[in-house]
C-alpha atoms as a PDB file:
ATOM      1  CA  MET A   1      33.021 -37.771 -22.523  1.00  0.00           C
ATOM      2  CA  THR A   2      32.673 -36.795 -18.898  1.00  0.00           C
ATOM      3  CA  GLN A   3      29.625 -37.305 -16.772  1.00  0.00           C
ATOM      4  CA  MET A   4      28.085 -34.599 -14.619  1.00  0.00           C
ATOM      5  CA  SER A   5      28.436 -35.179 -10.924  1.00  0.00           C
ATOM      6  CA  THR A   6      25.253 -35.656  -8.892  1.00  0.00           C
ATOM      7  CA  GLY A   7      25.964 -32.540  -6.837  1.00  0.00           C
ATOM      8  CA  PHE A   8      26.283 -30.368  -9.934  1.00  0.00           C
ATOM      9  CA  SER A   9      23.041 -31.805 -11.358  1.00  0.00           C
ATOM     10  CA  ILE A  10      21.188 -31.008  -8.130  1.00  0.00           C
ATOM     11  CA  PHE A  11      22.659 -27.494  -8.196  1.00  0.00           C
ATOM     12  CA  ILE A  12      21.433 -26.924 -11.774  1.00  0.00           C
ATOM     13  CA  VAL A  13      17.935 -28.247 -11.001  1.00  0.00           C
ATOM     14  CA  GLY A  14      17.746 -26.183  -7.788  1.00  0.00           C
ATOM     15  CA  TRP A  15      18.958 -23.030  -9.545  1.00  0.00           C
ATOM     16  CA  SER A  16      16.385 -23.574 -12.309  1.00  0.00           C
ATOM     17  CA  ILE A  17      13.609 -23.836  -9.710  1.00  0.00           C
ATOM     18  CA  VAL A  18      14.800 -20.629  -8.000  1.00  0.00           C
ATOM     19  CA  LEU A  19      14.881 -18.737 -11.316  1.00  0.00           C
ATOM     20  CA  VAL A  20      11.427 -19.924 -12.361  1.00  0.00           C
ATOM     21  CA  GLY A  21      10.086 -18.982  -8.908  1.00  0.00           C
ATOM     22  CA  LEU A  22      11.602 -15.497  -9.044  1.00  0.00           C
ATOM     23  CA  MET A  23      10.269 -14.913 -12.563  1.00  0.00           C
ATOM     24  CA  GLY A  24       6.826 -16.082 -11.411  1.00  0.00           C
ATOM     25  CA  ILE A  25       6.848 -13.644  -8.484  1.00  0.00           C
ATOM     26  CA  GLY A  26       7.996 -10.789 -10.730  1.00  0.00           C
ATOM     27  CA  GLY A  27       5.370 -11.672 -13.316  1.00  0.00           C
ATOM     28  CA  PHE A  28       2.669 -11.680 -10.648  1.00  0.00           C
ATOM     29  CA  PHE A  29       3.509  -8.125  -9.557  1.00  0.00           C
ATOM     30  CA  MET A  30       3.819  -6.932 -13.158  1.00  0.00           C
ATOM     31  CA  PHE A  31       0.411  -8.431 -13.940  1.00  0.00           C
ATOM     32  CA  ARG A  32      -1.142  -6.697 -10.910  1.00  0.00           C
ATOM     33  CA  LYS A  33       0.309  -3.369 -12.069  1.00  0.00           C
ATOM     34  CA  PHE A  34      -1.025  -4.067 -15.581  1.00  0.00           C
ATOM     35  CA  LEU A  35      -4.528  -4.714 -14.204  1.00  0.00           C
ATOM     36  CA  LYS A  36      -4.424  -1.456 -12.213  1.00  0.00           C
ATOM     37  CA  SER A  37      -3.502   0.460 -15.359  1.00  0.00           C
ATOM     38  CA  MET A  38      -6.424  -0.927 -17.371  1.00  0.00           C
ATOM     39  CA  PRO A  39      -9.208   1.634 -17.929  1.00  0.00           C
ATOM     40  CA  LYS A  40     -12.495   0.962 -16.124  1.00  0.00           C
ATOM     41  CA  GLN A  41     -15.973   1.805 -17.400  1.00  0.00           C
ATOM     42  CA  ASP A  42     -15.440   5.521 -16.723  1.00  0.00           C
ATOM     43  CA  GLY A  43     -12.333   5.544 -18.953  1.00  0.00           C
ATOM     44  CA  LYS A  44      -9.853   5.982 -16.103  1.00  0.00           C
ATOM     45  CA  SER A  45      -7.713   3.327 -14.483  1.00  0.00           C
ATOM     46  CA  ASP A  46      -7.159   2.835 -10.755  1.00  0.00           C
ATOM     47  CA  LEU A  47      -3.764   4.510 -11.157  1.00  0.00           C
ATOM     48  CA  ASP A  48      -5.350   7.500 -12.944  1.00  0.00           C
ATOM     49  CA  TRP A  49      -7.812   7.924 -10.073  1.00  0.00           C
ATOM     50  CA  GLN A  50      -4.972   7.611  -7.582  1.00  0.00           C
ATOM     51  CA  ASP A  51      -3.067  10.406  -9.309  1.00  0.00           C
ATOM     52  CA  TYR A  52      -6.229  12.519  -9.510  1.00  0.00           C
ATOM     53  CA  TYR A  53      -6.960  12.283  -5.758  1.00  0.00           C
ATOM     54  CA  ILE A  54      -3.346  13.015  -4.857  1.00  0.00           C
ATOM     55  CA  GLU A  55      -3.195  16.086  -7.135  1.00  0.00           C
ATOM     56  CA  GLN A  56      -6.557  17.448  -5.973  1.00  0.00           C
ATOM     57  CA  THR A  57      -5.595  17.228  -2.295  1.00  0.00           C
ATOM     58  CA  ARG A  58      -1.870  18.069  -2.445  1.00  0.00           C
ATOM     59  CA  SER A  59      -2.429  21.529  -0.925  1.00  0.00           C
ATOM     60  CA  MET A  60      -4.568  20.131   1.919  1.00  0.00           C
ATOM     61  CA  TRP A  61      -1.726  18.198   3.559  1.00  0.00           C
ATOM     62  CA  THR A  62      -0.052  19.650   6.626  1.00  0.00           C
ATOM     63  CA  GLU A  63       3.509  18.928   7.691  1.00  0.00           C
ATOM     64  CA  GLU A  64       2.219  16.911  10.665  1.00  0.00           C
ATOM     65  CA  GLY A  65      -0.089  14.925   8.388  1.00  0.00           C
ATOM     66  CA  LEU A  66       2.724  14.026   6.014  1.00  0.00           C
ATOM     67  CA  GLN A  67       4.893  13.044   8.955  1.00  0.00           C
ATOM     68  CA  LEU A  68       2.148  10.750  10.324  1.00  0.00           C
ATOM     69  CA  LEU A  69       1.667   9.166   6.895  1.00  0.00           C
ATOM     70  CA  ASN A  70       5.409   8.525   6.624  1.00  0.00           C
ATOM     71  CA  GLU A  71       5.438   6.970  10.103  1.00  0.00           C
ATOM     72  CA  LEU A  72       2.541   4.695   9.173  1.00  0.00           C
ATOM     73  CA  VAL A  73       4.208   3.392   5.985  1.00  0.00           C
ATOM     74  CA  ASP A  74       7.600   3.030   7.680  1.00  0.00           C
ATOM     75  CA  PRO A  75       7.229  -0.741   8.348  1.00  0.00           C
ATOM     76  CA  VAL A  76       6.596  -1.399   4.641  1.00  0.00           C
ATOM     77  CA  PRO A  77       9.760  -2.688   2.924  1.00  0.00           C
ATOM     78  CA  GLN A  78      11.668   0.133   1.196  1.00  0.00           C
ATOM     79  CA  LEU A  79      11.013  -1.365  -2.244  1.00  0.00           C
ATOM     80  CA  PHE A  80       7.214  -1.054  -1.841  1.00  0.00           C
ATOM     81  CA  ARG A  81       7.041   1.992   0.461  1.00  0.00           C
ATOM     82  CA  ASP A  82       6.419   4.606  -2.258  1.00  0.00           C
ATOM     83  CA  VAL A  83       3.616   2.541  -3.790  1.00  0.00           C
ATOM     84  CA  ALA A  84       2.033   2.037  -0.372  1.00  0.00           C
ATOM     85  CA  ARG A  85       2.346   5.749   0.457  1.00  0.00           C
ATOM     86  CA  ARG A  86       0.680   6.757  -2.832  1.00  0.00           C
ATOM     87  CA  THR A  87      -2.123   4.206  -2.434  1.00  0.00           C
ATOM     88  CA  ILE A  88      -2.886   5.296   1.119  1.00  0.00           C
ATOM     89  CA  ALA A  89      -2.566   9.017   0.264  1.00  0.00           C
ATOM     90  CA  ALA A  90      -4.996   8.558  -2.628  1.00  0.00           C
ATOM     91  CA  LYS A  91      -7.554   6.867  -0.355  1.00  0.00           C
ATOM     92  CA  ILE A  92      -7.150   9.682   2.181  1.00  0.00           C
ATOM     93  CA  GLY A  93      -7.544  12.231  -0.635  1.00  0.00           C
ATOM     94  CA  LYS A  94     -10.724  10.543  -1.852  1.00  0.00           C
ATOM     95  CA  LEU A  95     -12.169  10.663   1.665  1.00  0.00           C
ATOM     96  CA  ALA A  96     -11.182  14.333   2.001  1.00  0.00           C
ATOM     97  CA  LEU A  97     -12.887  15.240  -1.284  1.00  0.00           C
ATOM     98  CA  ASP A  98     -15.981  13.187  -0.405  1.00  0.00           C
ATOM     99  CA  GLU A  99     -16.248  14.968   2.950  1.00  0.00           C
ATOM    100  CA  LYS A 100     -15.433  18.362   1.358  1.00  0.00           C
ATOM    101  CA  ALA A 101     -12.591  18.877   3.835  1.00  0.00           C
ATOM    102  CA  THR A 102     -10.355  21.929   3.636  1.00  0.00           C
ATOM    103  CA  VAL A 103      -7.406  20.279   5.372  1.00  0.00           C
ATOM    104  CA  ILE A 104      -6.399  16.661   5.788  1.00  0.00           C
ATOM    105  CA  SER A 105      -6.867  15.955   9.464  1.00  0.00           C
ATOM    106  CA  MET A 106      -5.478  13.178  11.608  1.00  0.00           C
ATOM    107  CA  GLU A 107      -8.957  11.621  11.590  1.00  0.00           C
ATOM    108  CA  LEU A 108      -8.934  11.424   7.777  1.00  0.00           C
ATOM    109  CA  ILE A 109      -5.422   9.981   7.774  1.00  0.00           C
ATOM    110  CA  ILE A 110      -6.291   7.239  10.252  1.00  0.00           C
ATOM    111  CA  LYS A 111      -9.598   6.434   8.547  1.00  0.00           C
ATOM    112  CA  GLY A 112      -7.943   6.375   5.109  1.00  0.00           C
ATOM    113  CA  TYR A 113      -5.101   4.175   6.368  1.00  0.00           C
ATOM    114  CA  ILE A 114      -7.589   1.687   7.811  1.00  0.00           C
ATOM    115  CA  LEU A 115      -9.641   1.567   4.606  1.00  0.00           C
ATOM    116  CA  ALA A 116      -6.604   1.374   2.294  1.00  0.00           C
ATOM    117  CA  THR A 117      -4.676  -1.359   4.112  1.00  0.00           C
ATOM    118  CA  PRO A 118      -5.362  -5.032   4.806  1.00  0.00           C
ATOM    119  CA  LYS A 119      -6.497  -6.083   8.279  1.00  0.00           C
ATOM    120  CA  ARG A 120      -3.063  -7.502   9.149  1.00  0.00           C
ATOM    121  CA  ASP A 121      -1.640  -3.945   9.098  1.00  0.00           C
ATOM    122  CA  HIS A 122      -4.187  -2.634  11.581  1.00  0.00           C
ATOM    123  CA  LYS A 123      -2.291  -4.110  14.555  1.00  0.00           C
ATOM    124  CA  PHE A 124       0.639  -1.847  13.718  1.00  0.00           C
ATOM    125  CA  LEU A 125      -1.673   1.164  13.470  1.00  0.00           C
ATOM    126  CA  ILE A 126      -3.186   0.463  16.882  1.00  0.00           C
ATOM    127  CA  SER A 127       0.216   0.006  18.520  1.00  0.00           C
ATOM    128  CA  HIS A 128       1.531   3.167  16.834  1.00  0.00           C
ATOM    129  CA  LEU A 129      -1.479   5.208  17.993  1.00  0.00           C
ATOM    130  CA  GLN A 130      -1.072   3.855  21.530  1.00  0.00           C
ATOM    131  CA  LYS A 131       2.622   4.768  21.491  1.00  0.00           C
ATOM    132  CA  LYS A 132       1.703   8.327  20.433  1.00  0.00           C
ATOM    133  CA  GLN A 133      -1.077   8.336  23.096  1.00  0.00           C
ATOM    134  CA  ILE A 134      -3.827   8.840  20.525  1.00  0.00           C
ATOM    135  CA  ASP A 135      -7.242   7.374  21.348  1.00  0.00           C
ATOM    136  CA  TYR A 136      -8.273   4.994  18.574  1.00  0.00           C
ATOM    137  CA  ALA A 137     -11.751   4.287  19.980  1.00  0.00           C
ATOM    138  CA  PRO A 138     -13.476   6.576  17.410  1.00  0.00           C
ATOM    139  CA  TYR A 139     -11.981   4.438  14.616  1.00  0.00           C
ATOM    140  CA  GLU A 140     -13.021   1.016  15.996  1.00  0.00           C
ATOM    141  CA  LYS A 141     -15.975   0.842  13.607  1.00  0.00           C
ATOM    142  CA  TYR A 142     -13.611   1.114  10.615  1.00  0.00           C
ATOM    143  CA  LEU A 143     -11.238  -1.497  12.046  1.00  0.00           C
ATOM    144  CA  HIS A 144     -13.944  -4.153  12.103  1.00  0.00           C
ATOM    145  CA  GLN A 145     -15.749  -3.517   8.820  1.00  0.00           C
ATOM    146  CA  GLU A 146     -14.939  -5.299   5.585  1.00  0.00           C
ATOM    147  CA  ALA A 147     -13.154  -3.231   2.946  1.00  0.00           C
END
């Protein structure tokens, strides 16, 4: 009978920890998706409402608006970019329907982005608006309110 070397034992234990960690991370994201798909009191889930707002406002988007939205979600890792784009677009769509807008303006896009994203993403928005020479002063009130 041969004994396992210490190095191989450490490798096996380390690999086991990595696998359990990766499965935990994957499980966390699957559980979040599961919670978003659960129906609320109105019978629709968060994902159903997201789809509804996107479908209702699809014709309101301009080419410039879609381009700005794509620029704003560009720093999001490729794996999560589509989810982020849909979440932000749904928030913008909800705002557009609430305000009875006929077209999705830059103001709605910026306001929706601020309300749909965590505070840590707002620094990128400010720097991006400054780079495009867009005054963000009208949106300061949204930047400092709690979501």
